[in-house]
């Protein structure tokens, strides 16, 4: 199997996984009931809700909201560049990660009667960038393995 065929298989697999991920993302952010909903409101003060959760001392709440928001968006940063090379840029992923999160927060506020939280946008965008870092690490490792495999085949 040659290098281009392997990349094509990864791209098709990534597209399928991305479609499932995106459907789950929309469901989780817009259609699930949130036990901490205080009605339609907005937090526009950076780090305000993170500080509030930290002061609560409720480690499950902190984990769910802080780590959960990062984890929720890291697949976006990992899968988009796998499917489309255009998204393999820090600037592009910054815009996509923060932009997608902004749109979801707006939809949560406007249509789901939930909270628009600037901290969620920050954490989600950071999660997309973490995903891009992981993608770049895996892509680098794949290229190293690929080079070694094809060098051995040429020598034989």
C-alpha atoms as a PDB file:
ATOM      1  CA  UNK A   1       0.000   0.000   0.000  1.00  0.00           C
ATOM      2  CA  UNK A   2       1.460   3.361  -0.974  1.00  0.00           C
ATOM      3  CA  UNK A   3       1.590   6.579   1.002  1.00  0.00           C
ATOM      4  CA  UNK A   4      -1.180   8.389  -0.903  1.00  0.00           C
ATOM      5  CA  UNK A   5      -3.596   5.516  -0.422  1.00  0.00           C
ATOM      6  CA  UNK A   6      -2.934   5.424   3.334  1.00  0.00           C
ATOM      7  CA  UNK A   7      -3.531   9.175   3.566  1.00  0.00           C
ATOM      8  CA  UNK A   8      -6.779   8.814   1.598  1.00  0.00           C
ATOM      9  CA  UNK A   9      -8.004   6.103   3.977  1.00  0.00           C
ATOM     10  CA  UNK A  10      -7.189   8.322   6.980  1.00  0.00           C
ATOM     11  CA  UNK A  11      -9.024  11.216   5.331  1.00  0.00           C
ATOM     12  CA  UNK A  12     -12.178   9.181   4.644  1.00  0.00           C
ATOM     13  CA  UNK A  13     -12.125   7.699   8.140  1.00  0.00           C
ATOM     14  CA  UNK A  14     -11.580  11.192   9.593  1.00  0.00           C
ATOM     15  CA  UNK A  15     -14.548  12.552   7.625  1.00  0.00           C
ATOM     16  CA  UNK A  16     -16.831   9.840   9.002  1.00  0.00           C
ATOM     17  CA  UNK A  17     -15.619  10.366  12.558  1.00  0.00           C
ATOM     18  CA  UNK A  18     -15.942  14.143  12.133  1.00  0.00           C
ATOM     19  CA  UNK A  19     -19.569  13.825  10.986  1.00  0.00           C
ATOM     20  CA  UNK A  20     -20.406  11.737  14.066  1.00  0.00           C
ATOM     21  CA  UNK A  21     -18.459  14.100  16.340  1.00  0.00           C
ATOM     22  CA  UNK A  22     -20.172  17.196  14.955  1.00  0.00           C
ATOM     23  CA  UNK A  23     -23.632  15.643  15.379  1.00  0.00           C
ATOM     24  CA  UNK A  24     -22.778  14.780  18.995  1.00  0.00           C
ATOM     25  CA  UNK A  25     -21.375  18.295  19.555  1.00  0.00           C
ATOM     26  CA  UNK A  26     -24.584  19.917  18.337  1.00  0.00           C
ATOM     27  CA  UNK A  27     -26.732  17.527  20.373  1.00  0.00           C
ATOM     28  CA  UNK A  28     -24.726  18.028  23.584  1.00  0.00           C
ATOM     29  CA  UNK A  29     -24.508  21.803  23.308  1.00  0.00           C
ATOM     30  CA  UNK A  30     -27.975  22.639  22.020  1.00  0.00           C
ATOM     31  CA  UNK A  31     -30.386  19.806  22.768  1.00  0.00           C
ATOM     32  CA  UNK A  32     -29.460  18.367  26.161  1.00  0.00           C
ATOM     33  CA  UNK A  33     -30.867  19.506  29.456  1.00  0.00           C
ATOM     34  CA  UNK A  34     -28.336  21.320  31.613  1.00  0.00           C
ATOM     35  CA  UNK A  35     -28.882  20.880  35.375  1.00  0.00           C
ATOM     36  CA  UNK A  36     -27.078  24.157  36.093  1.00  0.00           C
ATOM     37  CA  UNK A  37     -29.249  26.319  33.863  1.00  0.00           C
ATOM     38  CA  UNK A  38     -30.248  29.578  35.458  1.00  0.00           C
ATOM     39  CA  UNK A  39     -32.301  30.696  32.490  1.00  0.00           C
ATOM     40  CA  UNK A  40     -31.308  32.908  29.612  1.00  0.00           C
ATOM     41  CA  UNK A  41     -28.340  35.027  30.701  1.00  0.00           C
ATOM     42  CA  UNK A  42     -24.902  36.113  29.563  1.00  0.00           C
ATOM     43  CA  UNK A  43     -21.443  36.193  31.096  1.00  0.00           C
ATOM     44  CA  UNK A  44     -19.259  38.652  29.191  1.00  0.00           C
ATOM     45  CA  UNK A  45     -16.541  38.983  31.857  1.00  0.00           C
ATOM     46  CA  UNK A  46     -13.529  36.842  30.999  1.00  0.00           C
ATOM     47  CA  UNK A  47     -12.688  34.218  33.681  1.00  0.00           C
ATOM     48  CA  UNK A  48     -15.772  35.168  35.750  1.00  0.00           C
ATOM     49  CA  UNK A  49     -17.553  31.811  35.567  1.00  0.00           C
ATOM     50  CA  UNK A  50     -14.269  29.899  35.925  1.00  0.00           C
ATOM     51  CA  UNK A  51     -13.507  31.893  39.088  1.00  0.00           C
ATOM     52  CA  UNK A  52     -17.038  31.251  40.374  1.00  0.00           C
ATOM     53  CA  UNK A  53     -16.704  27.491  39.832  1.00  0.00           C
ATOM     54  CA  UNK A  54     -13.250  27.436  41.426  1.00  0.00           C
ATOM     55  CA  UNK A  55     -14.566  29.206  44.530  1.00  0.00           C
ATOM     56  CA  UNK A  56     -17.450  26.738  44.794  1.00  0.00           C
ATOM     57  CA  UNK A  57     -15.001  23.975  45.735  1.00  0.00           C
ATOM     58  CA  UNK A  58     -17.139  21.505  43.747  1.00  0.00           C
ATOM     59  CA  UNK A  59     -14.431  19.572  41.888  1.00  0.00           C
ATOM     60  CA  UNK A  60     -16.919  17.710  39.707  1.00  0.00           C
ATOM     61  CA  UNK A  61     -18.400  21.045  38.559  1.00  0.00           C
ATOM     62  CA  UNK A  62     -14.910  22.397  37.851  1.00  0.00           C
ATOM     63  CA  UNK A  63     -13.911  19.270  35.935  1.00  0.00           C
ATOM     64  CA  UNK A  64     -17.161  19.116  33.984  1.00  0.00           C
ATOM     65  CA  UNK A  65     -17.146  22.754  32.926  1.00  0.00           C
ATOM     66  CA  UNK A  66     -13.470  23.605  32.570  1.00  0.00           C
ATOM     67  CA  UNK A  67     -11.915  20.334  31.381  1.00  0.00           C
ATOM     68  CA  UNK A  68     -15.174  19.313  29.694  1.00  0.00           C
ATOM     69  CA  UNK A  69     -15.230  22.448  27.522  1.00  0.00           C
ATOM     70  CA  UNK A  70     -11.632  21.861  26.438  1.00  0.00           C
ATOM     71  CA  UNK A  71     -12.269  18.169  25.691  1.00  0.00           C
ATOM     72  CA  UNK A  72     -15.479  18.979  23.837  1.00  0.00           C
ATOM     73  CA  UNK A  73     -13.607  20.912  21.140  1.00  0.00           C
ATOM     74  CA  UNK A  74     -10.270  19.130  20.861  1.00  0.00           C
ATOM     75  CA  UNK A  75     -11.686  16.662  18.267  1.00  0.00           C
ATOM     76  CA  UNK A  76     -12.499  19.663  16.070  1.00  0.00           C
ATOM     77  CA  UNK A  77      -8.814  20.611  16.038  1.00  0.00           C
ATOM     78  CA  UNK A  78      -7.734  17.038  15.417  1.00  0.00           C
ATOM     79  CA  UNK A  79     -10.234  15.923  12.792  1.00  0.00           C
ATOM     80  CA  UNK A  80     -10.567  18.976  10.523  1.00  0.00           C
ATOM     81  CA  UNK A  81      -6.891  18.995   9.446  1.00  0.00           C
ATOM     82  CA  UNK A  82      -7.054  15.228   8.983  1.00  0.00           C
ATOM     83  CA  UNK A  83      -9.890  15.649   6.486  1.00  0.00           C
ATOM     84  CA  UNK A  84      -8.877  18.982   4.892  1.00  0.00           C
ATOM     85  CA  UNK A  85      -5.256  20.161   4.800  1.00  0.00           C
ATOM     86  CA  UNK A  86      -6.424  23.794   4.749  1.00  0.00           C
ATOM     87  CA  UNK A  87      -7.240  23.518   8.472  1.00  0.00           C
ATOM     88  CA  UNK A  88      -3.636  22.613   9.332  1.00  0.00           C
ATOM     89  CA  UNK A  89      -2.917  26.250  10.187  1.00  0.00           C
ATOM     90  CA  UNK A  90      -2.845  27.868  13.625  1.00  0.00           C
ATOM     91  CA  UNK A  91      -4.631  30.974  12.370  1.00  0.00           C
ATOM     92  CA  UNK A  92      -7.341  29.039  10.584  1.00  0.00           C
ATOM     93  CA  UNK A  93      -7.925  26.732  13.560  1.00  0.00           C
ATOM     94  CA  UNK A  94      -8.028  29.735  15.896  1.00  0.00           C
ATOM     95  CA  UNK A  95     -10.810  31.294  13.808  1.00  0.00           C
ATOM     96  CA  UNK A  96     -12.672  27.989  13.361  1.00  0.00           C
ATOM     97  CA  UNK A  97     -12.408  26.937  17.023  1.00  0.00           C
ATOM     98  CA  UNK A  98     -13.389  30.251  18.548  1.00  0.00           C
ATOM     99  CA  UNK A  99     -15.891  31.013  15.778  1.00  0.00           C
ATOM    100  CA  UNK A 100     -17.694  27.677  16.085  1.00  0.00           C
ATOM    101  CA  UNK A 101     -17.847  28.069  19.847  1.00  0.00           C
ATOM    102  CA  UNK A 102     -19.186  31.614  19.503  1.00  0.00           C
ATOM    103  CA  UNK A 103     -21.954  30.450  17.159  1.00  0.00           C
ATOM    104  CA  UNK A 104     -22.908  27.613  19.530  1.00  0.00           C
ATOM    105  CA  UNK A 105     -22.944  29.969  22.527  1.00  0.00           C
ATOM    106  CA  UNK A 106     -25.125  32.414  20.611  1.00  0.00           C
ATOM    107  CA  UNK A 107     -27.542  29.629  19.613  1.00  0.00           C
ATOM    108  CA  UNK A 108     -27.633  28.381  23.213  1.00  0.00           C
ATOM    109  CA  UNK A 109     -28.541  31.866  24.384  1.00  0.00           C
ATOM    110  CA  UNK A 110     -31.019  32.753  21.676  1.00  0.00           C
ATOM    111  CA  UNK A 111     -32.835  29.477  21.025  1.00  0.00           C
ATOM    112  CA  UNK A 112     -32.126  27.113  23.918  1.00  0.00           C
ATOM    113  CA  UNK A 113     -32.689  29.816  26.576  1.00  0.00           C
ATOM    114  CA  UNK A 114     -29.328  29.046  28.177  1.00  0.00           C
ATOM    115  CA  UNK A 115     -26.228  30.969  29.174  1.00  0.00           C
ATOM    116  CA  UNK A 116     -23.914  32.742  26.726  1.00  0.00           C
ATOM    117  CA  UNK A 117     -20.540  32.391  28.456  1.00  0.00           C
ATOM    118  CA  UNK A 118     -17.363  34.026  27.189  1.00  0.00           C
ATOM    119  CA  UNK A 119     -15.344  31.561  29.289  1.00  0.00           C
ATOM    120  CA  UNK A 120     -16.854  28.649  27.350  1.00  0.00           C
ATOM    121  CA  UNK A 121     -15.702  30.275  24.107  1.00  0.00           C
ATOM    122  CA  UNK A 122     -12.186  30.650  25.531  1.00  0.00           C
ATOM    123  CA  UNK A 123     -12.054  27.046  26.759  1.00  0.00           C
ATOM    124  CA  UNK A 124     -13.588  25.614  23.575  1.00  0.00           C
ATOM    125  CA  UNK A 125     -11.190  27.575  21.374  1.00  0.00           C
ATOM    126  CA  UNK A 126      -8.275  26.420  23.516  1.00  0.00           C
ATOM    127  CA  UNK A 127      -9.543  22.840  23.114  1.00  0.00           C
ATOM    128  CA  UNK A 128      -9.520  23.171  19.308  1.00  0.00           C
ATOM    129  CA  UNK A 129      -5.919  24.412  19.460  1.00  0.00           C
ATOM    130  CA  UNK A 130      -4.958  21.484  21.733  1.00  0.00           C
ATOM    131  CA  UNK A 131      -6.519  19.178  19.141  1.00  0.00           C
ATOM    132  CA  UNK A 132      -4.416  20.787  16.408  1.00  0.00           C
ATOM    133  CA  UNK A 133      -1.276  20.270  18.520  1.00  0.00           C
ATOM    134  CA  UNK A 134      -2.131  16.578  18.889  1.00  0.00           C
ATOM    135  CA  UNK A 135      -2.853  16.312  15.174  1.00  0.00           C
ATOM    136  CA  UNK A 136       0.528  17.857  14.350  1.00  0.00           C
ATOM    137  CA  UNK A 137       2.309  15.479  16.752  1.00  0.00           C
ATOM    138  CA  UNK A 138       0.572  12.428  15.245  1.00  0.00           C
ATOM    139  CA  UNK A 139       1.186  13.679  11.686  1.00  0.00           C
ATOM    140  CA  UNK A 140       4.879  14.153  12.450  1.00  0.00           C
ATOM    141  CA  UNK A 141       5.115  10.637  13.933  1.00  0.00           C
ATOM    142  CA  UNK A 142       3.255   9.203  10.919  1.00  0.00           C
ATOM    143  CA  UNK A 143       5.680  10.898   8.509  1.00  0.00           C
ATOM    144  CA  UNK A 144       8.664   9.478  10.406  1.00  0.00           C
ATOM    145  CA  UNK A 145       7.218   5.971  10.349  1.00  0.00           C
ATOM    146  CA  UNK A 146       6.241   6.354   6.701  1.00  0.00           C
ATOM    147  CA  UNK A 147       9.755   7.443   5.691  1.00  0.00           C
ATOM    148  CA  UNK A 148      11.341   4.534   7.526  1.00  0.00           C
ATOM    149  CA  UNK A 149       8.957   2.000   5.988  1.00  0.00           C
ATOM    150  CA  UNK A 150       9.458   3.228   2.429  1.00  0.00           C
ATOM    151  CA  UNK A 151      13.245   3.484   2.868  1.00  0.00           C
ATOM    152  CA  UNK A 152      13.330  -0.194   3.863  1.00  0.00           C
ATOM    153  CA  UNK A 153      11.206  -1.177   0.879  1.00  0.00           C
ATOM    154  CA  UNK A 154      13.501   0.688  -1.531  1.00  0.00           C
ATOM    155  CA  UNK A 155      16.618  -1.010  -0.083  1.00  0.00           C
ATOM    156  CA  UNK A 156      15.162  -4.511  -0.620  1.00  0.00           C
END
